Amino acid sequence: MAQGEKIETRQRIVLIGGSAGSLAVLLVVLPLLPRDLAAPVILVTHRHSGSDVLLESLLSARASLPVRDIEEKEMPQPGVIYIAPADYHLLFEPDGSFALDSSEKVNYSRPSIDVTFESAARAYGARAIGILLSGANADGAQGLYDMQQHGGTTIVQDPATAEVDYMPRCALQLFSPAHIARPADMAQLISSEVSKMQAPN
């Protein structure tokens, strides 16, 4: 791939961001994802350092897809759930591979959902599906908007179903996403949107 060339992969990617109250949603959504999902699923959540092993164990026991740690420079693979590590911002290289960064917190958070969503918008464009869940701050709203501006599909949790509705409400105040969804409907919506993203001729 030539230097500076935008990602040429036909791969789709699903990114899910959330904070307070989002774990309960993930435990509803992840077990219902189809085992043949033709996209990787990237989770970016606010949590304390040292909680990675606990979160991975919990999700591995419940999710329908394998759960993996993120490796620097790794290309995300379809049908795998990846968890952004605590204390690092998760970004994407121009070829779509993972990059980890320990720079200053954004929106009081590292990983920041905004940082990951904005990076995915640039790397994956219309191949990205972004989902913003329950949370107590505004992190993720601007990044999700950027994803929509780059042609990606955007989904916001229905604030009426959120344990902490501040994060999804911030997104809805900023722009109109493609979908506002209840947790029980998200897995089918993800599957449907991934299936729509057929490779161009």
Protein backbone atom coordinates (compact mmCIF):
# COMPACT_ATOMS: atom_id res chain seq x y z
CA MET A 1 0.00 0.00 0.00
CA ALA A 2 1.40 3.40 -0.96
CA GLN A 3 2.27 5.75 1.90
CA GLY A 4 -0.69 7.89 2.92
CA GLU A 5 -3.14 5.79 0.92
CA LYS A 6 -6.50 5.36 2.62
CA ILE A 7 -7.62 1.90 3.66
CA GLU A 8 -8.54 -0.23 0.67
CA THR A 9 -9.96 -3.18 2.58
CA ARG A 10 -13.55 -4.18 1.95
CA GLN A 11 -13.86 -5.07 5.62
CA ARG A 12 -16.59 -3.53 7.70
CA ILE A 13 -16.01 -2.59 11.35
CA VAL A 14 -18.34 -2.14 14.33
CA LEU A 15 -17.34 0.20 17.16
CA ILE A 16 -19.24 0.38 20.44
CA GLY A 17 -18.54 3.09 23.02
CA GLY A 18 -19.98 3.51 26.47
CA SER A 19 -19.35 4.39 30.08
CA ALA A 20 -21.49 4.12 33.21
CA GLY A 21 -24.33 1.67 32.59
CA SER A 22 -22.93 0.33 29.32
CA LEU A 23 -21.78 -3.05 30.63
CA ALA A 24 -25.39 -4.13 31.21
CA VAL A 25 -26.14 -3.26 27.57
CA LEU A 26 -23.12 -5.20 26.29
CA LEU A 27 -24.26 -8.25 28.23
CA VAL A 28 -27.55 -8.06 26.33
CA VAL A 29 -26.12 -7.34 22.89
CA LEU A 30 -22.96 -9.45 22.63
CA PRO A 31 -24.58 -12.87 23.28
CA LEU A 32 -27.05 -12.21 20.44
CA LEU A 33 -24.54 -11.34 17.71
CA PRO A 34 -24.40 -13.96 14.94
CA ARG A 35 -21.36 -16.24 15.01
CA ASP A 36 -20.70 -15.52 11.34
CA LEU A 37 -20.70 -11.72 11.73
CA ALA A 38 -18.62 -10.39 8.84
CA ALA A 39 -17.00 -7.60 10.85
CA PRO A 40 -14.85 -7.14 13.95
CA VAL A 41 -16.48 -5.55 17.00
CA ILE A 42 -14.38 -3.00 18.93
CA LEU A 43 -15.40 -2.05 22.48
CA VAL A 44 -14.25 1.25 23.99
CA THR A 45 -15.42 1.71 27.58
CA HIS A 46 -14.37 3.92 30.48
CA ARG A 47 -12.98 1.85 33.34
CA HIS A 48 -10.17 1.73 35.87
CA SER A 49 -6.79 0.26 35.02
CA GLY A 50 -6.42 -3.31 36.21
CA SER A 51 -9.98 -4.23 35.23
CA ASP A 52 -9.06 -5.57 31.77
CA VAL A 53 -8.81 -9.23 32.81
CA LEU A 54 -12.10 -9.12 34.72
CA LEU A 55 -13.95 -7.49 31.84
CA GLU A 56 -12.49 -9.85 29.27
CA SER A 57 -13.40 -12.89 31.39
CA LEU A 58 -16.95 -11.67 31.91
CA LEU A 59 -17.53 -10.91 28.23
CA SER A 60 -15.83 -14.12 27.08
CA ALA A 61 -18.23 -16.14 29.21
CA ARG A 62 -21.29 -14.44 27.73
CA ALA A 63 -20.47 -13.32 24.19
CA SER A 64 -21.26 -15.41 21.11
CA LEU A 65 -17.93 -14.40 19.52
CA PRO A 66 -14.35 -14.80 20.79
CA VAL A 67 -13.00 -11.91 22.88
CA ARG A 68 -9.38 -10.81 22.40
CA ASP A 69 -6.85 -8.32 23.67
CA ILE A 70 -5.73 -5.73 21.15
CA GLU A 71 -2.21 -6.10 19.77
CA GLU A 72 -0.36 -3.08 18.41
CA LYS A 73 -0.36 -3.00 14.57
CA GLU A 74 -2.77 -5.96 14.40
CA MET A 75 -5.44 -5.89 11.71
CA PRO A 76 -8.88 -6.49 13.30
CA GLN A 77 -10.45 -9.73 12.13
CA PRO A 78 -14.15 -10.39 11.36
CA GLY A 79 -16.13 -12.28 13.95
CA VAL A 80 -13.90 -11.21 16.86
CA ILE A 81 -14.66 -8.84 19.76
CA TYR A 82 -11.75 -6.59 20.76
CA ILE A 83 -11.55 -4.59 23.99
CA ALA A 84 -9.67 -1.29 24.04
CA PRO A 85 -7.14 -1.50 26.90
CA ALA A 86 -7.32 0.78 29.91
CA ASP A 87 -4.93 3.76 29.98
CA TYR A 88 -4.41 3.84 26.20
CA HIS A 89 -6.21 5.66 23.43
CA LEU A 90 -7.14 3.30 20.61
CA LEU A 91 -6.55 4.59 17.10
CA PHE A 92 -6.40 3.14 13.60
CA GLU A 93 -3.55 3.40 11.12
CA PRO A 94 -4.40 4.40 7.53
CA ASP A 95 -4.43 0.69 6.61
CA GLY A 96 -7.04 0.01 9.32
CA SER A 97 -4.73 -1.69 11.84
CA PHE A 98 -4.70 -0.94 15.56
CA ALA A 99 -2.48 1.70 17.17
CA LEU A 100 -2.23 2.44 20.91
CA ASP A 101 -1.37 5.86 22.29
CA SER A 102 -0.72 7.01 25.88
CA SER A 103 -1.11 10.76 25.33
CA GLU A 104 -3.20 12.98 27.60
CA LYS A 105 -6.77 12.11 28.50
CA VAL A 106 -9.57 13.43 26.32
CA ASN A 107 -12.91 14.17 27.98
CA TYR A 108 -11.24 13.02 31.23
CA SER A 109 -10.88 9.57 29.66
CA ARG A 110 -8.21 7.24 28.29
CA PRO A 111 -9.30 5.43 26.22
CA SER A 112 -11.48 8.18 24.84
CA ILE A 113 -14.44 7.13 22.71
CA ASP A 114 -14.12 10.34 20.70
CA VAL A 115 -10.49 9.58 19.84
CA THR A 116 -11.31 6.07 18.63
CA PHE A 117 -14.45 7.04 16.72
CA GLU A 118 -12.72 9.96 14.98
CA SER A 119 -9.77 7.77 14.01
CA ALA A 120 -12.10 5.04 12.70
CA ALA A 121 -14.03 7.62 10.69
CA ARG A 122 -10.83 8.61 8.87
CA ALA A 123 -9.55 5.05 8.35
CA TYR A 124 -12.78 3.21 7.55
CA GLY A 125 -15.18 5.89 6.30
CA ALA A 126 -18.48 4.41 5.12
CA ARG A 127 -17.36 0.92 6.23
CA ALA A 128 -17.72 1.89 9.92
CA ILE A 129 -20.72 1.35 12.19
CA GLY A 130 -20.58 3.38 15.40
CA ILE A 131 -22.74 2.80 18.47
CA LEU A 132 -22.91 5.01 21.57
CA LEU A 133 -24.34 3.60 24.80
CA SER A 134 -25.13 4.71 28.33
CA GLY A 135 -22.63 7.02 30.02
CA ALA A 136 -22.13 9.96 32.35
CA ASN A 137 -20.14 12.37 30.16
CA ALA A 138 -20.14 13.71 26.61
CA ASP A 139 -17.29 11.50 25.33
CA GLY A 140 -18.25 9.83 22.04
CA ALA A 141 -20.84 12.31 20.79
CA GLN A 142 -18.46 14.32 18.59
CA GLY A 143 -16.67 11.19 17.41
CA LEU A 144 -19.92 9.55 16.40
CA TYR A 145 -20.90 12.70 14.52
CA ASP A 146 -17.56 12.62 12.70
CA MET A 147 -18.21 9.01 11.77
CA GLN A 148 -21.54 10.00 10.23
CA GLN A 149 -19.85 12.88 8.37
CA HIS A 150 -17.46 10.35 6.81
CA GLY A 151 -20.35 8.19 5.60
CA GLY A 152 -20.48 5.70 8.46
CA THR A 153 -23.65 4.30 10.05
CA THR A 154 -24.46 5.73 13.50
CA ILE A 155 -26.56 4.21 16.27
CA VAL A 156 -27.41 5.78 19.63
CA GLN A 157 -28.97 3.93 22.54
CA ASP A 158 -32.48 5.15 23.27
CA PRO A 159 -31.89 7.40 26.31
CA ALA A 160 -35.10 6.09 27.86
CA THR A 161 -33.40 2.68 28.18
CA ALA A 162 -30.04 3.97 29.46
CA GLU A 163 -29.00 3.59 33.08
CA VAL A 164 -27.20 6.93 32.68
CA ASP A 165 -28.68 8.86 29.78
CA TYR A 166 -26.25 11.80 29.58
CA MET A 167 -23.97 10.32 26.91
CA PRO A 168 -26.67 9.29 24.42
CA ARG A 169 -28.56 12.54 25.03
CA CYS A 170 -25.41 14.55 24.21
CA ALA A 171 -25.17 12.75 20.88
CA LEU A 172 -28.82 13.36 20.07
CA GLN A 173 -28.44 17.07 20.89
CA LEU A 174 -25.52 17.28 18.45
CA PHE A 175 -26.99 15.46 15.43
CA SER A 176 -29.57 12.96 14.19
CA PRO A 177 -28.07 9.45 13.98
CA ALA A 178 -29.20 6.82 11.51
CA HIS A 179 -30.81 4.81 14.32
CA ILE A 180 -31.96 5.22 17.92
CA ALA A 181 -32.15 1.72 19.35
CA ARG A 182 -33.10 -0.23 22.43
CA PRO A 183 -30.52 -2.75 23.70
CA ALA A 184 -32.76 -5.71 22.83
CA ASP A 185 -32.80 -4.59 19.17
CA MET A 186 -29.12 -3.75 18.73
CA ALA A 187 -27.71 -7.15 17.80
CA GLN A 188 -30.16 -7.58 14.94
CA LEU A 189 -29.55 -4.00 13.84
CA ILE A 190 -25.78 -4.54 13.82
CA SER A 191 -26.18 -7.74 11.81
CA SER A 192 -28.49 -6.02 9.34
CA GLU A 193 -26.21 -3.01 8.87
CA VAL A 194 -23.12 -5.17 8.40
CA SER A 195 -24.98 -7.22 5.77
CA LYS A 196 -25.96 -4.05 3.89
CA MET A 197 -22.32 -3.05 3.45
CA GLN A 198 -21.64 -5.14 0.37
CA ALA A 199 -18.28 -4.63 -1.33
CA PRO A 200 -18.59 -2.35 -4.34
CA ASN A 201 -18.18 -3.84 -7.79
